Amino acid sequence: MKPSDLVQGTLDLLILKIVTLEPLHAWAIIERLHQISGDVLQVSDGSLYPALHKLEQNGWIKSEWRVTENGRRAKYYAPTGAGKEALAREAANWDRLSEAVGKVLRFVEN
């Protein structure tokens, strides 16, 4: 599934969740999302970087330059306190939305 197939704002939620597990650089975020989703969700650089930039502008993530396990410099992303609060709030909204969609899809008229 590509980002264009996702409900708007979902990529932000997924990124926040992933960097809450551990600070990661962009390529590792893409790989982790792919891995955790069982190869269903795939995000391109063209979708990821604008989302990271927006999350950083909103104050939900912070970044710092570090050296990767391969010896390269990369920007690592981690949630801020506001980002952790946003994750909890947005995850609850997502749960409500997905439950409501499920109810509609399972609805059978008598």
C-alpha atoms as a PDB file:
ATOM      1  CA  MET A   1       0.000   0.000   0.000  1.00  0.00           C
ATOM      2  CA  LYS A   2       1.405   3.369  -0.988  1.00  0.00           C
ATOM      3  CA  PRO A   3       1.108   6.606   1.029  1.00  0.00           C
ATOM      4  CA  SER A   4      -1.473   7.925  -1.438  1.00  0.00           C
ATOM      5  CA  ASP A   5      -3.679   4.997  -0.392  1.00  0.00           C
ATOM      6  CA  LEU A   6      -3.474   5.972   3.286  1.00  0.00           C
ATOM      7  CA  VAL A   7      -5.899   8.238   5.059  1.00  0.00           C
ATOM      8  CA  GLN A   8      -4.399  11.729   5.300  1.00  0.00           C
ATOM      9  CA  GLY A   9      -2.384  12.090   8.488  1.00  0.00           C
ATOM     10  CA  THR A  10      -1.807   8.362   8.856  1.00  0.00           C
ATOM     11  CA  LEU A  11       1.819   8.553   7.741  1.00  0.00           C
ATOM     12  CA  ASP A  12       2.495  11.121  10.467  1.00  0.00           C
ATOM     13  CA  LEU A  13       0.961   8.778  13.039  1.00  0.00           C
ATOM     14  CA  LEU A  14       3.024   5.825  11.799  1.00  0.00           C
ATOM     15  CA  ILE A  15       6.263   7.831  11.827  1.00  0.00           C
ATOM     16  CA  LEU A  16       5.564   9.054  15.354  1.00  0.00           C
ATOM     17  CA  LYS A  17       4.946   5.494  16.531  1.00  0.00           C
ATOM     18  CA  ILE A  18       8.114   4.169  14.918  1.00  0.00           C
ATOM     19  CA  VAL A  19      10.426   6.860  16.299  1.00  0.00           C
ATOM     20  CA  THR A  20       8.832   6.426  19.728  1.00  0.00           C
ATOM     21  CA  LEU A  21      10.111   2.842  19.708  1.00  0.00           C
ATOM     22  CA  GLU A  22      13.664   4.128  19.121  1.00  0.00           C
ATOM     23  CA  PRO A  23      15.325   7.120  17.429  1.00  0.00           C
ATOM     24  CA  LEU A  24      15.986   6.283  13.782  1.00  0.00           C
ATOM     25  CA  HIS A  25      17.266   7.907  10.597  1.00  0.00           C
ATOM     26  CA  ALA A  26      15.000   8.256   7.550  1.00  0.00           C
ATOM     27  CA  TRP A  27      16.065   5.103   5.713  1.00  0.00           C
ATOM     28  CA  ALA A  28      15.659   3.051   8.902  1.00  0.00           C
ATOM     29  CA  ILE A  29      12.165   4.518   9.421  1.00  0.00           C
ATOM     30  CA  ILE A  30      11.175   3.343   5.928  1.00  0.00           C
ATOM     31  CA  GLU A  31      12.639  -0.104   6.571  1.00  0.00           C
ATOM     32  CA  ARG A  32      11.015  -0.423   9.998  1.00  0.00           C
ATOM     33  CA  LEU A  33       7.601   0.562   8.635  1.00  0.00           C
ATOM     34  CA  HIS A  34       7.985  -1.985   5.864  1.00  0.00           C
ATOM     35  CA  GLN A  35       9.082  -4.679   8.333  1.00  0.00           C
ATOM     36  CA  ILE A  36       6.413  -4.062  10.985  1.00  0.00           C
ATOM     37  CA  SER A  37       3.603  -3.868   8.400  1.00  0.00           C
ATOM     38  CA  GLY A  38       4.566  -7.223   6.926  1.00  0.00           C
ATOM     39  CA  ASP A  39       5.658  -5.621   3.638  1.00  0.00           C
ATOM     40  CA  VAL A  40       2.226  -4.005   3.137  1.00  0.00           C
ATOM     41  CA  LEU A  41       3.127  -0.352   3.721  1.00  0.00           C
ATOM     42  CA  GLN A  42       5.785   1.204   1.534  1.00  0.00           C
ATOM     43  CA  VAL A  43       6.859   4.820   1.805  1.00  0.00           C
ATOM     44  CA  SER A  44       9.060   6.662  -0.663  1.00  0.00           C
ATOM     45  CA  ASP A  45      11.604   9.331   0.194  1.00  0.00           C
ATOM     46  CA  GLY A  46       9.299  11.787  -1.562  1.00  0.00           C
ATOM     47  CA  SER A  47       6.579  11.112   1.012  1.00  0.00           C
ATOM     48  CA  LEU A  48       8.750  10.545   4.074  1.00  0.00           C
ATOM     49  CA  TYR A  49      10.892  13.687   4.051  1.00  0.00           C
ATOM     50  CA  PRO A  50       7.982  16.154   3.795  1.00  0.00           C
ATOM     51  CA  ALA A  51       6.230  14.278   6.625  1.00  0.00           C
ATOM     52  CA  LEU A  52       9.374  14.397   8.792  1.00  0.00           C
ATOM     53  CA  HIS A  53       9.773  18.102   8.047  1.00  0.00           C
ATOM     54  CA  LYS A  54       6.138  18.782   8.980  1.00  0.00           C
ATOM     55  CA  LEU A  55       6.411  16.766  12.215  1.00  0.00           C
ATOM     56  CA  GLU A  56       9.565  18.662  13.139  1.00  0.00           C
ATOM     57  CA  GLN A  57       7.929  22.035  12.360  1.00  0.00           C
ATOM     58  CA  ASN A  58       4.946  21.048  14.538  1.00  0.00           C
ATOM     59  CA  GLY A  59       7.347  20.298  17.391  1.00  0.00           C
ATOM     60  CA  TRP A  60       6.352  16.619  17.504  1.00  0.00           C
ATOM     61  CA  ILE A  61       9.800  15.256  16.646  1.00  0.00           C
ATOM     62  CA  LYS A  62      13.342  16.510  17.072  1.00  0.00           C
ATOM     63  CA  SER A  63      16.425  15.558  15.120  1.00  0.00           C
ATOM     64  CA  GLU A  64      20.145  15.308  15.673  1.00  0.00           C
ATOM     65  CA  TRP A  65      23.057  14.284  13.512  1.00  0.00           C
ATOM     66  CA  ARG A  66      24.704  10.988  14.475  1.00  0.00           C
ATOM     67  CA  VAL A  67      26.959   8.411  12.905  1.00  0.00           C
ATOM     68  CA  THR A  68      25.127   5.305  11.654  1.00  0.00           C
ATOM     69  CA  GLU A  69      26.233   1.717  12.159  1.00  0.00           C
ATOM     70  CA  ASN A  70      27.809   1.998   8.667  1.00  0.00           C
ATOM     71  CA  GLY A  71      29.926   4.983   9.695  1.00  0.00           C
ATOM     72  CA  ARG A  72      27.862   7.560   7.791  1.00  0.00           C
ATOM     73  CA  ARG A  73      26.358  10.729   9.203  1.00  0.00           C
ATOM     74  CA  ALA A  74      22.574  10.760   9.280  1.00  0.00           C
ATOM     75  CA  LYS A  75      19.837  12.755  10.926  1.00  0.00           C
ATOM     76  CA  TYR A  76      18.128  10.710  13.640  1.00  0.00           C
ATOM     77  CA  TYR A  77      14.555  11.493  14.646  1.00  0.00           C
ATOM     78  CA  ALA A  78      12.939  11.070  18.075  1.00  0.00           C
ATOM     79  CA  PRO A  79       9.619  12.240  19.518  1.00  0.00           C
ATOM     80  CA  THR A  80       9.315  15.273  21.762  1.00  0.00           C
ATOM     81  CA  GLY A  81       7.020  15.344  24.779  1.00  0.00           C
ATOM     82  CA  ALA A  82       4.416  17.050  22.590  1.00  0.00           C
ATOM     83  CA  GLY A  83       4.942  14.321  19.994  1.00  0.00           C
ATOM     84  CA  LYS A  84       4.259  11.577  22.522  1.00  0.00           C
ATOM     85  CA  GLU A  85       1.067  13.370  23.569  1.00  0.00           C
ATOM     86  CA  ALA A  86       0.063  13.773  19.922  1.00  0.00           C
ATOM     87  CA  LEU A  87       0.715  10.080  19.306  1.00  0.00           C
ATOM     88  CA  ALA A  88      -1.592   9.067  22.161  1.00  0.00           C
ATOM     89  CA  ARG A  89      -4.297  11.467  20.965  1.00  0.00           C
ATOM     90  CA  GLU A  90      -4.016  10.535  17.281  1.00  0.00           C
ATOM     91  CA  ALA A  91      -3.873   6.786  18.034  1.00  0.00           C
ATOM     92  CA  ALA A  92      -7.119   7.110  20.001  1.00  0.00           C
ATOM     93  CA  ASN A  93      -8.677   9.013  17.075  1.00  0.00           C
ATOM     94  CA  TRP A  94      -7.466   6.324  14.678  1.00  0.00           C
ATOM     95  CA  ASP A  95      -8.991   3.587  16.864  1.00  0.00           C
ATOM     96  CA  ARG A  96     -12.358   5.400  16.867  1.00  0.00           C
ATOM     97  CA  LEU A  97     -12.240   5.982  13.117  1.00  0.00           C
ATOM     98  CA  SER A  98     -11.264   2.423  12.231  1.00  0.00           C
ATOM     99  CA  GLU A  99     -13.921   1.025  14.562  1.00  0.00           C
ATOM    100  CA  ALA A 100     -16.577   3.230  12.932  1.00  0.00           C
ATOM    101  CA  VAL A 101     -15.479   2.219   9.425  1.00  0.00           C
ATOM    102  CA  GLY A 102     -15.550  -1.431  10.484  1.00  0.00           C
ATOM    103  CA  LYS A 103     -19.108  -1.053  11.794  1.00  0.00           C
ATOM    104  CA  VAL A 104     -20.242   0.399   8.489  1.00  0.00           C
ATOM    105  CA  LEU A 105     -18.532  -2.335   6.494  1.00  0.00           C
ATOM    106  CA  ARG A 106     -19.991  -5.104   8.664  1.00  0.00           C
ATOM    107  CA  PHE A 107     -23.495  -3.596   8.705  1.00  0.00           C
ATOM    108  CA  VAL A 108     -26.167  -5.842   7.274  1.00  0.00           C
ATOM    109  CA  GLU A 109     -29.724  -4.603   6.846  1.00  0.00           C
ATOM    110  CA  ASN A 110     -32.461  -6.905   8.034  1.00  0.00           C
END
